[in-house]
Amino acid sequence: MPLLAREGGPRAVMLDPNIRPGFIEDASRYRARLNAMLAHTDIVKVSDEDLAWILPGSASEAERVATLRERGPAVVIVTRGGDGATGYLADGAQVQVSAAQVTVVDTVGAGDTLNAGVLAQLARMGHLSKDALASLSGDALQQAMTFGAKVAGVTVSRAGANPPWSQDL
């Protein structure tokens, strides 16, 4: 039994598939494996490019996100690099955040740092549980994503995957 299926039950699980199409030899098999992981996921963060690869076709972003949510996660965050991100809640509501306005030195680690910031802020607010995520408010997701964008902004403003320490914020 895969680790996620065995241990993910009581825990809030976030997934960032970070699709690299050039390395995927069997797209159907990869998508099937991803769908199996989504069934155990509470939050999924995808770039707009990841989302288009996972669910190709002419559907709108909101329609694609709805399809992802049907597969498991209560919350979906779609990032667009310097153009910010949109968060989709279990009830279909959306929130928007802008990317931090910084001089970009290196984008390596930006997504991972955004994820860590979102999770840290959700934990601080007492919303990092399966039940809390299933009924998360737009305001709570907005706060978490805003913090995630802030910390990701620090990471991209310096060389290497070098996320901030709390004193850097």
Protein backbone atom coordinates (compact mmCIF):
# COMPACT_ATOMS: atom_id res chain seq x y z
CA MET A 1 0.00 0.00 0.00
CA PRO A 2 1.48 3.40 -0.96
CA LEU A 3 2.56 5.67 1.89
CA LEU A 4 -0.02 8.36 1.04
CA ALA A 5 -2.90 5.87 1.12
CA ARG A 6 -1.62 4.33 4.34
CA GLU A 7 -0.71 7.48 6.30
CA GLY A 8 -2.67 10.32 4.67
CA GLY A 9 -6.04 9.54 6.23
CA PRO A 10 -5.85 11.58 9.43
CA ARG A 11 -3.50 14.25 8.05
CA ALA A 12 -4.09 17.30 5.90
CA VAL A 13 -2.24 16.57 2.65
CA MET A 14 -0.97 19.09 0.11
CA LEU A 15 0.21 18.01 -3.34
CA ASP A 16 2.22 20.01 -5.86
CA PRO A 17 2.60 17.73 -8.91
CA ASN A 18 5.16 20.05 -10.56
CA ILE A 19 4.59 18.50 -14.00
CA ARG A 20 7.65 18.13 -16.25
CA PRO A 21 6.18 16.81 -19.53
CA GLY A 22 9.59 16.19 -21.10
CA PHE A 23 10.36 13.55 -18.47
CA ILE A 24 7.03 11.72 -18.67
CA GLU A 25 7.26 8.63 -20.84
CA ASP A 26 3.68 7.37 -20.41
CA ALA A 27 1.22 10.25 -19.95
CA SER A 28 -1.80 7.98 -19.37
CA ARG A 29 -0.03 6.05 -16.62
CA TYR A 30 1.24 9.28 -15.07
CA ARG A 31 -2.24 10.82 -15.04
CA ALA A 32 -3.70 7.64 -13.48
CA ARG A 33 -1.09 7.73 -10.72
CA LEU A 34 -1.73 11.44 -10.17
CA ASN A 35 -5.49 10.81 -9.93
CA ALA A 36 -4.85 8.14 -7.29
CA MET A 37 -2.84 10.68 -5.27
CA LEU A 38 -5.50 13.38 -5.69
CA ALA A 39 -8.03 11.08 -4.02
CA HIS A 40 -6.00 11.45 -0.78
CA THR A 41 -5.24 15.18 -1.15
CA ASP A 42 -6.82 18.14 0.64
CA ILE A 43 -4.95 20.96 -1.12
CA VAL A 44 -3.41 20.84 -4.56
CA LYS A 45 -1.18 23.59 -5.93
CA VAL A 46 -0.69 23.60 -9.68
CA SER A 47 0.72 26.11 -12.10
CA ASP A 48 -1.54 27.15 -14.94
CA GLU A 49 0.74 25.09 -17.20
CA ASP A 50 0.44 22.02 -14.93
CA LEU A 51 -3.35 22.34 -14.96
CA ALA A 52 -3.44 22.52 -18.78
CA TRP A 53 -1.28 19.39 -19.02
CA ILE A 54 -3.24 17.43 -16.41
CA LEU A 55 -6.57 18.28 -18.05
CA PRO A 56 -5.95 19.15 -21.71
CA GLY A 57 -8.70 20.55 -23.87
CA SER A 58 -10.77 23.68 -24.16
CA ALA A 59 -12.34 23.76 -20.68
CA SER A 60 -11.92 26.97 -18.71
CA GLU A 61 -9.62 27.13 -15.71
CA ALA A 62 -12.62 27.08 -13.36
CA GLU A 63 -14.00 23.97 -15.11
CA ARG A 64 -10.61 22.24 -14.90
CA VAL A 65 -10.33 23.12 -11.22
CA ALA A 66 -13.83 21.75 -10.60
CA THR A 67 -12.73 18.49 -12.22
CA LEU A 68 -9.63 18.36 -10.00
CA ARG A 69 -11.75 19.02 -6.91
CA GLU A 70 -14.08 16.15 -7.88
CA ARG A 71 -11.01 13.90 -7.66
CA GLY A 72 -10.32 14.77 -4.02
CA PRO A 73 -8.89 18.10 -2.94
CA ALA A 74 -11.10 20.65 -1.19
CA VAL A 75 -8.76 23.52 -2.09
CA VAL A 76 -6.96 24.15 -5.38
CA ILE A 77 -4.37 26.89 -5.85
CA VAL A 78 -3.43 27.83 -9.43
CA THR A 79 -0.23 29.86 -9.77
CA ARG A 80 0.84 32.06 -12.66
CA GLY A 81 4.37 33.10 -11.71
CA GLY A 82 4.63 36.89 -11.66
CA ASP A 83 0.91 37.19 -12.38
CA GLY A 84 -0.10 35.86 -8.96
CA ALA A 85 -2.43 33.03 -8.06
CA THR A 86 -6.07 32.06 -7.71
CA GLY A 87 -7.36 29.90 -4.90
CA TYR A 88 -10.52 27.83 -5.35
CA LEU A 89 -12.47 26.72 -2.29
CA ALA A 90 -14.62 23.64 -1.76
CA ASP A 91 -17.78 25.71 -2.35
CA GLY A 92 -16.43 27.00 -5.69
CA ALA A 93 -15.58 30.49 -4.41
CA GLN A 94 -12.34 32.04 -5.64
CA VAL A 95 -9.72 34.33 -4.14
CA GLN A 96 -6.91 36.15 -5.93
CA VAL A 97 -3.47 37.16 -4.73
CA SER A 98 -0.79 39.16 -6.47
CA ALA A 99 2.79 38.03 -6.70
CA ALA A 100 5.21 39.93 -4.49
CA GLN A 101 6.74 42.87 -6.33
CA VAL A 102 10.46 42.07 -6.13
CA THR A 103 13.47 41.96 -8.40
CA VAL A 104 13.62 38.34 -9.50
CA VAL A 105 17.08 36.78 -9.22
CA ASP A 106 16.24 33.06 -9.36
CA THR A 107 12.86 31.31 -9.50
CA VAL A 108 14.12 27.95 -8.18
CA GLY A 109 12.17 27.10 -5.05
CA ALA A 110 9.40 29.65 -5.54
CA GLY A 111 6.57 27.10 -5.65
CA ASP A 112 7.88 25.09 -2.72
CA THR A 113 8.25 28.25 -0.66
CA LEU A 114 4.74 29.39 -1.57
CA ASN A 115 3.44 25.98 -0.45
CA ALA A 116 5.34 26.18 2.84
CA GLY A 117 4.02 29.69 3.47
CA VAL A 118 0.44 28.65 2.76
CA LEU A 119 0.74 25.64 5.09
CA ALA A 120 2.46 27.65 7.83
CA GLN A 121 -0.23 30.32 7.77
CA LEU A 122 -3.06 27.78 7.72
CA ALA A 123 -1.45 26.06 10.73
CA ARG A 124 -1.09 29.38 12.59
CA MET A 125 -4.78 30.09 12.00
CA GLY A 126 -5.83 26.60 13.13
CA HIS A 127 -7.06 25.57 9.67
CA LEU A 128 -4.62 22.79 8.82
CA SER A 129 -6.96 19.83 9.23
CA LYS A 130 -9.14 17.93 6.78
CA ASP A 131 -12.35 19.30 8.31
CA ALA A 132 -11.10 22.89 8.42
CA LEU A 133 -9.91 22.76 4.80
CA ALA A 134 -13.24 21.33 3.64
CA SER A 135 -15.01 24.39 5.05
CA LEU A 136 -12.22 26.98 4.66
CA SER A 137 -13.37 30.56 4.22
CA GLY A 138 -12.24 32.81 1.41
CA ASP A 139 -10.67 35.16 3.95
CA ALA A 140 -8.58 32.36 5.50
CA LEU A 141 -7.38 31.15 2.10
CA GLN A 142 -6.62 34.74 1.05
CA GLN A 143 -4.49 35.23 4.17
CA ALA A 144 -2.63 31.96 3.66
CA MET A 145 -1.97 32.62 -0.02
CA THR A 146 -0.88 36.21 0.65
CA PHE A 147 1.67 34.95 3.18
CA GLY A 148 2.77 32.26 0.72
CA ALA A 149 3.29 34.89 -1.99
CA LYS A 150 5.26 37.05 0.44
CA VAL A 151 7.69 34.28 1.39
CA ALA A 152 8.00 33.13 -2.23
CA GLY A 153 8.89 36.73 -3.12
CA VAL A 154 11.82 36.57 -0.72
CA THR A 155 13.00 33.29 -2.24
CA VAL A 156 12.97 34.56 -5.82
CA SER A 157 14.78 37.74 -4.82
CA ARG A 158 17.94 35.81 -4.00
CA ALA A 159 20.10 33.21 -5.71
CA GLY A 160 19.42 29.52 -5.22
CA ALA A 161 16.52 27.84 -3.52
CA ASN A 162 17.04 29.99 -0.44
CA PRO A 163 13.74 30.46 1.43
CA PRO A 164 13.47 33.03 4.21
CA TRP A 165 13.83 32.44 7.92
CA SER A 166 11.13 33.96 10.12
CA GLN A 167 13.46 36.85 11.05
CA ASP A 168 13.75 37.71 7.32
CA LEU A 169 10.05 38.48 7.20
